Amino acid sequence: LVNGQRYTGQIGEVSDLADIPVENVERIEVLRVAQSLRYGSEAAGGVINILTKRAPEAETGWEARIEGGAGDDGQLRGNLNGGASAEGALLTLAVDHDQIRGYDPCDDCGAVFTFGGSAKSREANEDVYGTLGYEGLEDLDLRGSFGWRREDERFVPLEGNASDERFTRWLGGS
């Protein structure tokens, strides 16, 4: 679950939690057996509920945080995380970029390890995740979430042909 609602990022009955940037997670709840039964028979073994950061509590306000860093092998990471509220309307937004050069996973090996690529190899991920809400009505709160993820892998082996793979996914829920 994300914020108590069934996660909409499922593909083939498997949730890809990489779609939710860690910077936007406030806490994670693990509901076991009896606690999880209120979510249906598919949740009999347990439920993981990811609670994202909420917009500022004041009637009108905003906050933002920007972080970044770089390392060897062309590693670059940056994120923007923030929220705003005004007259009952709520918005949170997390934007994340992560990339590295030189090494990519070996997909055809049947094992979990990496092997060296040339300096032209690059793996990059971009994520956007946010929530919208409205609490201006006495007996009704409206909530929604949206997300976008792009994975871009370019593997250039030390010898051989380059390969490009791109994957983009949109998410939404209410």
N, C-alpha and C. Protein backbone atom coordinates (compact mmCIF):
# COMPACT_ATOMS: atom_id res chain seq x y z
N LEU A 1 0.85 -1.19 0.00
CA LEU A 1 0.00 0.00 0.00
C LEU A 1 0.88 1.24 0.00
N VAL A 2 0.37 2.31 -0.59
CA VAL A 2 1.00 3.62 -0.48
C VAL A 2 -0.05 4.54 0.12
N ASN A 3 0.26 5.10 1.27
CA ASN A 3 -0.66 5.97 2.01
C ASN A 3 -2.00 5.28 2.25
N GLY A 4 -1.95 3.98 2.57
CA GLY A 4 -3.15 3.23 2.91
C GLY A 4 -3.98 2.76 1.72
N GLN A 5 -3.56 3.06 0.51
CA GLN A 5 -4.28 2.66 -0.69
C GLN A 5 -3.46 1.64 -1.47
N ARG A 6 -4.16 0.73 -2.16
CA ARG A 6 -3.48 -0.28 -2.97
C ARG A 6 -2.55 0.41 -3.96
N TYR A 7 -1.33 -0.07 -4.05
CA TYR A 7 -0.32 0.55 -4.91
C TYR A 7 -0.65 0.28 -6.37
N THR A 8 -0.64 1.32 -7.19
CA THR A 8 -1.04 1.20 -8.59
C THR A 8 0.11 0.89 -9.52
N GLY A 9 1.30 0.66 -9.00
CA GLY A 9 2.45 0.40 -9.86
C GLY A 9 2.68 -1.05 -10.17
N GLN A 10 1.67 -1.89 -10.01
CA GLN A 10 1.87 -3.32 -10.20
C GLN A 10 2.00 -3.67 -11.68
N ILE A 11 2.95 -4.55 -11.95
CA ILE A 11 3.13 -5.09 -13.30
C ILE A 11 3.26 -6.60 -13.12
N GLY A 12 2.32 -7.36 -13.65
CA GLY A 12 2.36 -8.80 -13.51
C GLY A 12 2.28 -9.24 -12.06
N GLU A 13 1.45 -8.54 -11.26
CA GLU A 13 1.25 -8.84 -9.83
C GLU A 13 2.50 -8.60 -8.99
N VAL A 14 3.48 -7.85 -9.49
CA VAL A 14 4.67 -7.51 -8.73
C VAL A 14 4.78 -5.99 -8.67
N SER A 15 4.93 -5.46 -7.46
CA SER A 15 5.08 -4.01 -7.29
C SER A 15 6.55 -3.64 -7.41
N ASP A 16 6.83 -2.60 -8.17
CA ASP A 16 8.19 -2.09 -8.30
C ASP A 16 8.31 -0.88 -7.39
N LEU A 17 8.83 -1.08 -6.19
CA LEU A 17 8.92 0.01 -5.23
C LEU A 17 9.97 1.04 -5.61
N ALA A 18 10.75 0.78 -6.65
CA ALA A 18 11.70 1.78 -7.13
C ALA A 18 10.99 2.99 -7.70
N ASP A 19 9.68 2.87 -7.98
CA ASP A 19 8.93 4.00 -8.50
C ASP A 19 8.69 5.10 -7.46
N ILE A 20 8.94 4.81 -6.20
CA ILE A 20 8.73 5.79 -5.14
C ILE A 20 10.10 6.20 -4.61
N PRO A 21 10.56 7.41 -4.91
CA PRO A 21 11.87 7.83 -4.41
C PRO A 21 11.93 7.77 -2.88
N VAL A 22 13.01 7.23 -2.35
CA VAL A 22 13.17 7.08 -0.90
C VAL A 22 13.07 8.43 -0.20
N GLU A 23 13.48 9.49 -0.86
CA GLU A 23 13.44 10.82 -0.26
C GLU A 23 12.01 11.26 0.05
N ASN A 24 11.01 10.63 -0.57
CA ASN A 24 9.62 11.02 -0.36
C ASN A 24 8.92 10.10 0.66
N VAL A 25 9.64 9.16 1.27
CA VAL A 25 9.05 8.24 2.24
C VAL A 25 9.24 8.79 3.64
N GLU A 26 8.14 8.92 4.36
CA GLU A 26 8.22 9.35 5.76
C GLU A 26 8.43 8.17 6.69
N ARG A 27 7.66 7.08 6.48
CA ARG A 27 7.84 5.88 7.28
C ARG A 27 7.22 4.69 6.55
N ILE A 28 7.59 3.48 7.00
CA ILE A 28 7.07 2.24 6.44
C ILE A 28 6.46 1.44 7.57
N GLU A 29 5.21 1.02 7.38
CA GLU A 29 4.52 0.19 8.37
C GLU A 29 4.42 -1.22 7.82
N VAL A 30 4.67 -2.21 8.68
CA VAL A 30 4.48 -3.61 8.32
C VAL A 30 3.31 -4.13 9.14
N LEU A 31 2.22 -4.47 8.47
CA LEU A 31 1.02 -4.99 9.13
C LEU A 31 1.02 -6.50 8.94
N ARG A 32 1.02 -7.23 10.03
CA ARG A 32 1.10 -8.69 9.95
C ARG A 32 -0.25 -9.33 10.17
N VAL A 33 -0.43 -10.46 9.60
CA VAL A 33 -1.58 -11.36 9.66
C VAL A 33 -2.89 -10.65 10.02
N ALA A 34 -3.30 -10.65 11.27
CA ALA A 34 -4.62 -10.14 11.65
C ALA A 34 -4.78 -8.65 11.31
N GLN A 35 -3.73 -7.86 11.47
CA GLN A 35 -3.81 -6.43 11.14
C GLN A 35 -4.05 -6.20 9.66
N SER A 36 -3.59 -7.11 8.81
CA SER A 36 -3.66 -6.90 7.37
C SER A 36 -4.96 -7.41 6.76
N LEU A 37 -5.75 -8.18 7.49
CA LEU A 37 -6.95 -8.79 6.92
C LEU A 37 -7.99 -7.77 6.46
N ARG A 38 -7.99 -6.58 7.02
CA ARG A 38 -8.95 -5.56 6.59
C ARG A 38 -8.71 -5.12 5.15
N TYR A 39 -7.56 -5.49 4.57
CA TYR A 39 -7.25 -5.12 3.19
C TYR A 39 -7.61 -6.21 2.19
N GLY A 40 -8.28 -7.29 2.64
CA GLY A 40 -8.76 -8.33 1.73
C GLY A 40 -7.99 -9.63 1.85
N SER A 41 -8.48 -10.63 1.14
CA SER A 41 -7.89 -11.97 1.24
C SER A 41 -6.49 -12.04 0.64
N GLU A 42 -6.16 -11.17 -0.30
CA GLU A 42 -4.82 -11.17 -0.89
C GLU A 42 -3.77 -10.67 0.10
N ALA A 43 -4.22 -10.06 1.21
CA ALA A 43 -3.31 -9.49 2.20
C ALA A 43 -3.19 -10.37 3.43
N ALA A 44 -3.64 -11.62 3.37
CA ALA A 44 -3.66 -12.49 4.55
C ALA A 44 -2.29 -12.70 5.16
N GLY A 45 -1.24 -12.70 4.35
CA GLY A 45 0.12 -12.92 4.87
C GLY A 45 0.74 -11.68 5.46
N GLY A 46 0.22 -10.52 5.13
CA GLY A 46 0.76 -9.26 5.63
C GLY A 46 0.70 -8.17 4.58
N VAL A 47 0.89 -6.96 5.03
CA VAL A 47 0.83 -5.79 4.15
C VAL A 47 1.97 -4.85 4.51
N ILE A 48 2.59 -4.28 3.50
CA ILE A 48 3.56 -3.21 3.70
C ILE A 48 2.89 -1.91 3.27
N ASN A 49 2.84 -0.94 4.16
CA ASN A 49 2.22 0.35 3.88
C ASN A 49 3.31 1.42 3.90
N ILE A 50 3.56 2.03 2.76
CA ILE A 50 4.56 3.09 2.64
C ILE A 50 3.84 4.43 2.79
N LEU A 51 4.23 5.20 3.79
CA LEU A 51 3.62 6.51 4.03
C LEU A 51 4.56 7.59 3.50
N THR A 52 4.09 8.35 2.52
CA THR A 52 4.91 9.40 1.93
C THR A 52 4.79 10.67 2.77
N LYS A 53 5.72 11.57 2.57
CA LYS A 53 5.71 12.83 3.31
C LYS A 53 4.46 13.62 2.93
N ARG A 54 3.92 14.31 3.92
CA ARG A 54 2.72 15.11 3.71
C ARG A 54 3.12 16.56 3.46
N ALA A 55 2.17 17.28 2.89
CA ALA A 55 2.37 18.71 2.68
C ALA A 55 2.44 19.40 4.04
N PRO A 56 2.99 20.62 4.11
CA PRO A 56 3.07 21.33 5.38
C PRO A 56 1.70 21.44 6.05
N GLU A 57 1.69 21.38 7.39
CA GLU A 57 0.44 21.37 8.14
C GLU A 57 -0.23 22.74 8.20
N ALA A 58 0.49 23.80 8.02
CA ALA A 58 -0.11 25.13 8.09
C ALA A 58 -1.14 25.31 6.98
N GLU A 59 -2.09 26.23 7.17
CA GLU A 59 -3.13 26.45 6.15
C GLU A 59 -2.52 26.87 4.82
N THR A 60 -1.50 27.71 4.87
CA THR A 60 -0.82 28.12 3.65
C THR A 60 0.68 28.12 3.93
N GLY A 61 1.42 27.38 3.13
CA GLY A 61 2.86 27.33 3.31
C GLY A 61 3.51 26.38 2.33
N TRP A 62 4.83 26.38 2.34
CA TRP A 62 5.57 25.48 1.47
C TRP A 62 6.91 25.17 2.11
N GLU A 63 7.53 24.10 1.67
CA GLU A 63 8.87 23.75 2.08
C GLU A 63 9.52 22.95 0.96
N ALA A 64 10.85 23.05 0.87
CA ALA A 64 11.57 22.33 -0.18
C ALA A 64 12.95 21.97 0.32
N ARG A 65 13.50 20.87 -0.21
CA ARG A 65 14.84 20.44 0.12
C ARG A 65 15.51 19.96 -1.17
N ILE A 66 16.72 20.41 -1.40
CA ILE A 66 17.50 20.00 -2.57
C ILE A 66 18.78 19.36 -2.07
N GLU A 67 19.11 18.19 -2.61
CA GLU A 67 20.34 17.49 -2.26
C GLU A 67 21.02 17.00 -3.53
N GLY A 68 22.32 16.84 -3.49
CA GLY A 68 23.03 16.34 -4.65
C GLY A 68 24.41 15.84 -4.27
N GLY A 69 25.01 15.11 -5.18
CA GLY A 69 26.35 14.60 -4.96
C GLY A 69 26.91 13.99 -6.23
N ALA A 70 28.21 13.77 -6.23
CA ALA A 70 28.89 13.18 -7.37
C ALA A 70 30.02 12.31 -6.86
N GLY A 71 30.44 11.36 -7.68
CA GLY A 71 31.53 10.47 -7.31
C GLY A 71 32.28 10.01 -8.53
N ASP A 72 33.18 9.04 -8.32
CA ASP A 72 33.93 8.54 -9.47
C ASP A 72 33.04 7.67 -10.34
N ASP A 73 33.54 7.24 -11.46
CA ASP A 73 32.78 6.50 -12.47
C ASP A 73 31.58 7.29 -12.97
N GLY A 74 31.67 8.61 -12.95
CA GLY A 74 30.58 9.45 -13.47
C GLY A 74 29.31 9.37 -12.66
N GLN A 75 29.41 8.99 -11.39
CA GLN A 75 28.21 8.89 -10.56
C GLN A 75 27.70 10.30 -10.24
N LEU A 76 26.40 10.46 -10.44
CA LEU A 76 25.76 11.74 -10.20
C LEU A 76 24.39 11.47 -9.60
N ARG A 77 24.08 12.15 -8.52
CA ARG A 77 22.79 11.95 -7.85
C ARG A 77 22.29 13.30 -7.38
N GLY A 78 21.00 13.52 -7.60
CA GLY A 78 20.38 14.74 -7.13
C GLY A 78 18.90 14.54 -6.91
N ASN A 79 18.34 15.26 -5.95
CA ASN A 79 16.91 15.17 -5.74
C ASN A 79 16.36 16.47 -5.18
N LEU A 80 15.10 16.67 -5.48
CA LEU A 80 14.32 17.80 -4.99
C LEU A 80 13.08 17.22 -4.34
N ASN A 81 12.79 17.64 -3.13
CA ASN A 81 11.66 17.12 -2.39
C ASN A 81 10.97 18.29 -1.71
N GLY A 82 9.66 18.37 -1.85
CA GLY A 82 8.97 19.49 -1.21
C GLY A 82 7.48 19.30 -1.17
N GLY A 83 6.82 20.29 -0.59
CA GLY A 83 5.38 20.26 -0.49
C GLY A 83 4.83 21.65 -0.29
N ALA A 84 3.55 21.80 -0.57
CA ALA A 84 2.88 23.09 -0.40
C ALA A 84 1.42 22.84 -0.01
N SER A 85 0.87 23.80 0.72
CA SER A 85 -0.55 23.75 1.06
C SER A 85 -1.12 25.15 0.99
N ALA A 86 -2.37 25.22 0.56
CA ALA A 86 -3.07 26.51 0.47
C ALA A 86 -4.57 26.27 0.49
N GLU A 87 -5.25 26.81 1.48
CA GLU A 87 -6.71 26.77 1.55
C GLU A 87 -7.28 25.36 1.40
N GLY A 88 -6.67 24.37 2.04
CA GLY A 88 -7.17 22.99 1.98
C GLY A 88 -6.58 22.15 0.87
N ALA A 89 -5.92 22.77 -0.11
CA ALA A 89 -5.28 22.03 -1.21
C ALA A 89 -3.86 21.64 -0.78
N LEU A 90 -3.47 20.39 -1.06
CA LEU A 90 -2.18 19.87 -0.63
C LEU A 90 -1.42 19.30 -1.83
N LEU A 91 -0.10 19.49 -1.85
CA LEU A 91 0.74 18.96 -2.92
C LEU A 91 2.07 18.55 -2.32
N THR A 92 2.55 17.35 -2.68
CA THR A 92 3.94 16.97 -2.39
C THR A 92 4.56 16.54 -3.71
N LEU A 93 5.87 16.71 -3.83
CA LEU A 93 6.57 16.37 -5.06
C LEU A 93 7.99 15.95 -4.72
N ALA A 94 8.43 14.84 -5.31
CA ALA A 94 9.81 14.37 -5.19
C ALA A 94 10.34 14.10 -6.59
N VAL A 95 11.49 14.66 -6.92
CA VAL A 95 12.14 14.47 -8.21
C VAL A 95 13.55 13.95 -7.92
N ASP A 96 13.95 12.87 -8.61
CA ASP A 96 15.21 12.21 -8.31
C ASP A 96 15.93 11.85 -9.60
N HIS A 97 17.26 12.01 -9.63
CA HIS A 97 18.09 11.60 -10.76
C HIS A 97 19.29 10.85 -10.19
N ASP A 98 19.60 9.70 -10.80
CA ASP A 98 20.72 8.88 -10.35
C ASP A 98 21.37 8.27 -11.59
N GLN A 99 22.71 8.39 -11.71
CA GLN A 99 23.39 7.81 -12.87
C GLN A 99 24.80 7.36 -12.49
N ILE A 100 25.31 6.41 -13.27
CA ILE A 100 26.69 5.94 -13.11
C ILE A 100 27.19 5.45 -14.47
N ARG A 101 28.50 5.51 -14.68
CA ARG A 101 29.12 5.04 -15.92
C ARG A 101 30.03 3.85 -15.64
N GLY A 102 30.31 3.07 -16.66
CA GLY A 102 31.38 2.08 -16.61
C GLY A 102 30.98 0.66 -16.30
N TYR A 103 29.90 0.43 -15.56
CA TYR A 103 29.48 -0.93 -15.23
C TYR A 103 27.99 -1.07 -15.40
N ASP A 104 27.57 -2.20 -15.94
CA ASP A 104 26.15 -2.51 -16.11
C ASP A 104 25.94 -3.96 -15.72
N PRO A 105 24.73 -4.35 -15.31
CA PRO A 105 24.48 -5.73 -14.92
C PRO A 105 24.54 -6.68 -16.11
N CYS A 106 24.90 -7.89 -15.85
CA CYS A 106 24.94 -8.94 -16.87
C CYS A 106 23.58 -9.63 -16.88
N ASP A 107 22.72 -9.29 -17.83
CA ASP A 107 21.36 -9.82 -17.87
C ASP A 107 21.31 -11.26 -18.41
N ASP A 108 22.25 -11.65 -19.27
CA ASP A 108 22.19 -12.95 -19.92
C ASP A 108 22.98 -14.04 -19.19
N CYS A 109 23.62 -13.70 -18.07
CA CYS A 109 24.54 -14.65 -17.43
C CYS A 109 23.85 -15.66 -16.56
N GLY A 110 22.62 -15.40 -16.11
CA GLY A 110 21.95 -16.31 -15.20
C GLY A 110 22.51 -16.25 -13.80
N ALA A 111 23.29 -15.23 -13.49
CA ALA A 111 23.87 -15.07 -12.16
C ALA A 111 23.77 -13.59 -11.77
N VAL A 112 23.96 -13.34 -10.53
CA VAL A 112 23.87 -11.95 -10.06
C VAL A 112 25.28 -11.42 -9.84
N PHE A 113 25.80 -10.75 -10.83
CA PHE A 113 27.08 -10.07 -10.71
C PHE A 113 27.18 -9.06 -11.86
N THR A 114 28.16 -8.22 -11.81
CA THR A 114 28.34 -7.24 -12.87
C THR A 114 29.67 -7.50 -13.57
N PHE A 115 29.78 -6.97 -14.77
CA PHE A 115 31.05 -7.06 -15.47
C PHE A 115 31.33 -5.72 -16.09
N GLY A 116 32.59 -5.50 -16.42
CA GLY A 116 33.02 -4.18 -16.85
C GLY A 116 32.59 -3.82 -18.25
N GLY A 117 32.18 -2.60 -18.38
CA GLY A 117 31.91 -2.01 -19.67
C GLY A 117 32.89 -0.89 -19.89
N SER A 118 32.81 -0.26 -21.03
CA SER A 118 33.72 0.85 -21.29
C SER A 118 33.22 2.10 -20.57
N ALA A 119 34.00 3.14 -20.61
CA ALA A 119 33.63 4.40 -19.96
C ALA A 119 32.42 5.04 -20.63
N LYS A 120 32.05 4.56 -21.82
CA LYS A 120 30.88 5.10 -22.52
C LYS A 120 29.57 4.47 -22.03
N SER A 121 29.66 3.39 -21.24
CA SER A 121 28.46 2.78 -20.67
C SER A 121 27.86 3.73 -19.65
N ARG A 122 26.53 3.71 -19.56
CA ARG A 122 25.87 4.59 -18.60
C ARG A 122 24.52 4.01 -18.23
N GLU A 123 24.20 4.10 -16.97
CA GLU A 123 22.87 3.75 -16.49
C GLU A 123 22.33 4.97 -15.76
N ALA A 124 21.12 5.39 -16.11
CA ALA A 124 20.52 6.56 -15.48
C ALA A 124 19.05 6.29 -15.17
N ASN A 125 18.58 6.80 -14.05
CA ASN A 125 17.18 6.68 -13.64
C ASN A 125 16.67 8.06 -13.25
N GLU A 126 15.50 8.39 -13.72
CA GLU A 126 14.82 9.61 -13.29
C GLU A 126 13.46 9.22 -12.72
N ASP A 127 13.09 9.82 -11.60
CA ASP A 127 11.82 9.54 -10.95
C ASP A 127 11.13 10.84 -10.58
N VAL A 128 9.82 10.85 -10.73
CA VAL A 128 8.98 11.94 -10.23
C VAL A 128 7.82 11.26 -9.52
N TYR A 129 7.57 11.66 -8.28
CA TYR A 129 6.45 11.08 -7.54
C TYR A 129 5.80 12.19 -6.73
N GLY A 130 4.49 12.22 -6.71
CA GLY A 130 3.82 13.27 -5.95
C GLY A 130 2.44 12.85 -5.49
N THR A 131 1.90 13.64 -4.61
CA THR A 131 0.54 13.43 -4.13
C THR A 131 -0.22 14.75 -4.21
N LEU A 132 -1.51 14.63 -4.46
CA LEU A 132 -2.42 15.78 -4.48
C LEU A 132 -3.53 15.49 -3.49
N GLY A 133 -4.05 16.52 -2.86
CA GLY A 133 -5.15 16.31 -1.94
C GLY A 133 -5.95 17.57 -1.72
N TYR A 134 -7.14 17.38 -1.19
CA TYR A 134 -7.98 18.51 -0.83
C TYR A 134 -8.71 18.16 0.45
N GLU A 135 -8.53 18.96 1.49
CA GLU A 135 -9.15 18.75 2.79
C GLU A 135 -10.10 19.88 3.15
N GLY A 136 -10.62 20.59 2.16
CA GLY A 136 -11.46 21.75 2.41
C GLY A 136 -12.92 21.44 2.72
N LEU A 137 -13.32 20.19 2.59
CA LEU A 137 -14.70 19.80 2.88
C LEU A 137 -14.77 19.13 4.25
N GLU A 138 -15.86 19.35 4.96
CA GLU A 138 -15.96 18.88 6.34
C GLU A 138 -15.90 17.36 6.46
N ASP A 139 -16.62 16.62 5.63
CA ASP A 139 -16.70 15.17 5.77
C ASP A 139 -16.00 14.40 4.65
N LEU A 140 -15.19 15.06 3.86
CA LEU A 140 -14.58 14.39 2.72
C LEU A 140 -13.16 14.90 2.50
N ASP A 141 -12.22 13.97 2.41
CA ASP A 141 -10.85 14.28 2.03
C ASP A 141 -10.58 13.61 0.69
N LEU A 142 -10.05 14.33 -0.25
CA LEU A 142 -9.69 13.77 -1.57
C LEU A 142 -8.18 13.60 -1.63
N ARG A 143 -7.73 12.45 -2.13
CA ARG A 143 -6.30 12.17 -2.24
C ARG A 143 -6.01 11.51 -3.58
N GLY A 144 -4.89 11.82 -4.13
CA GLY A 144 -4.45 11.18 -5.36
C GLY A 144 -2.94 11.14 -5.39
N SER A 145 -2.39 10.25 -6.21
CA SER A 145 -0.94 10.18 -6.36
C SER A 145 -0.61 10.03 -7.84
N PHE A 146 0.59 10.43 -8.19
CA PHE A 146 1.04 10.30 -9.57
C PHE A 146 2.54 10.02 -9.54
N GLY A 147 3.02 9.40 -10.61
CA GLY A 147 4.44 9.12 -10.68
C GLY A 147 4.88 8.88 -12.11
N TRP A 148 6.16 9.03 -12.33
CA TRP A 148 6.78 8.79 -13.63
C TRP A 148 8.18 8.27 -13.35
N ARG A 149 8.59 7.22 -14.05
CA ARG A 149 9.94 6.67 -13.90
C ARG A 149 10.52 6.36 -15.27
N ARG A 150 11.78 6.73 -15.44
CA ARG A 150 12.48 6.42 -16.68
C ARG A 150 13.79 5.74 -16.32
N GLU A 151 14.02 4.60 -16.94
CA GLU A 151 15.29 3.89 -16.79
C GLU A 151 15.97 3.90 -18.16
N ASP A 152 17.21 4.29 -18.19
CA ASP A 152 17.94 4.43 -19.45
C ASP A 152 19.30 3.73 -19.28
N GLU A 153 19.47 2.63 -19.99
CA GLU A 153 20.74 1.90 -19.91
C GLU A 153 21.40 1.87 -21.28
N ARG A 154 22.64 2.28 -21.32
CA ARG A 154 23.44 2.18 -22.54
C ARG A 154 24.70 1.41 -22.17
N PHE A 155 24.77 0.18 -22.66
CA PHE A 155 25.94 -0.65 -22.37
C PHE A 155 26.84 -0.72 -23.58
N VAL A 156 28.09 -0.31 -23.42
CA VAL A 156 29.09 -0.39 -24.47
C VAL A 156 30.21 -1.28 -23.95
N PRO A 157 30.25 -2.55 -24.35
CA PRO A 157 31.29 -3.46 -23.84
C PRO A 157 32.67 -3.04 -24.34
N LEU A 158 33.68 -3.60 -23.70
CA LEU A 158 35.05 -3.29 -24.12
C LEU A 158 35.27 -3.69 -25.57
N GLU A 159 34.61 -4.77 -26.01
CA GLU A 159 34.63 -5.18 -27.41
C GLU A 159 33.21 -5.57 -27.80
N GLY A 160 32.74 -5.16 -28.95
CA GLY A 160 31.41 -5.56 -29.40
C GLY A 160 30.50 -4.38 -29.66
N ASN A 161 29.21 -4.69 -29.80
CA ASN A 161 28.22 -3.68 -30.18
C ASN A 161 27.54 -3.07 -28.95
N ALA A 162 27.19 -1.82 -29.07
CA ALA A 162 26.50 -1.12 -27.99
C ALA A 162 25.02 -1.51 -28.00
N SER A 163 24.40 -1.44 -26.84
CA SER A 163 22.96 -1.67 -26.76
C SER A 163 22.33 -0.52 -25.97
N ASP A 164 21.16 -0.12 -26.41
CA ASP A 164 20.40 0.93 -25.73
C ASP A 164 19.08 0.35 -25.27
N GLU A 165 18.73 0.55 -24.02
CA GLU A 165 17.43 0.13 -23.50
C GLU A 165 16.83 1.29 -22.74
N ARG A 166 15.58 1.59 -23.04
CA ARG A 166 14.87 2.64 -22.32
C ARG A 166 13.52 2.12 -21.88
N PHE A 167 13.14 2.50 -20.70
CA PHE A 167 11.89 2.04 -20.13
C PHE A 167 11.25 3.21 -19.40
N THR A 168 10.01 3.51 -19.72
CA THR A 168 9.29 4.61 -19.08
C THR A 168 7.96 4.09 -18.55
N ARG A 169 7.59 4.52 -17.35
CA ARG A 169 6.34 4.07 -16.75
C ARG A 169 5.65 5.26 -16.07
N TRP A 170 4.34 5.35 -16.27
CA TRP A 170 3.50 6.36 -15.60
C TRP A 170 2.65 5.65 -14.55
N LEU A 171 2.41 6.31 -13.43
CA LEU A 171 1.59 5.76 -12.35
C LEU A 171 0.52 6.76 -11.97
N GLY A 172 -0.60 6.27 -11.47
CA GLY A 172 -1.63 7.16 -10.97
C GLY A 172 -2.57 6.41 -10.05
N GLY A 173 -3.14 7.10 -9.11
CA GLY A 173 -4.08 6.47 -8.20
C GLY A 173 -4.91 7.53 -7.48
N SER A 174 -6.00 7.11 -6.88
CA SER A 174 -6.80 8.06 -6.14
C SER A 174 -7.51 7.35 -4.99
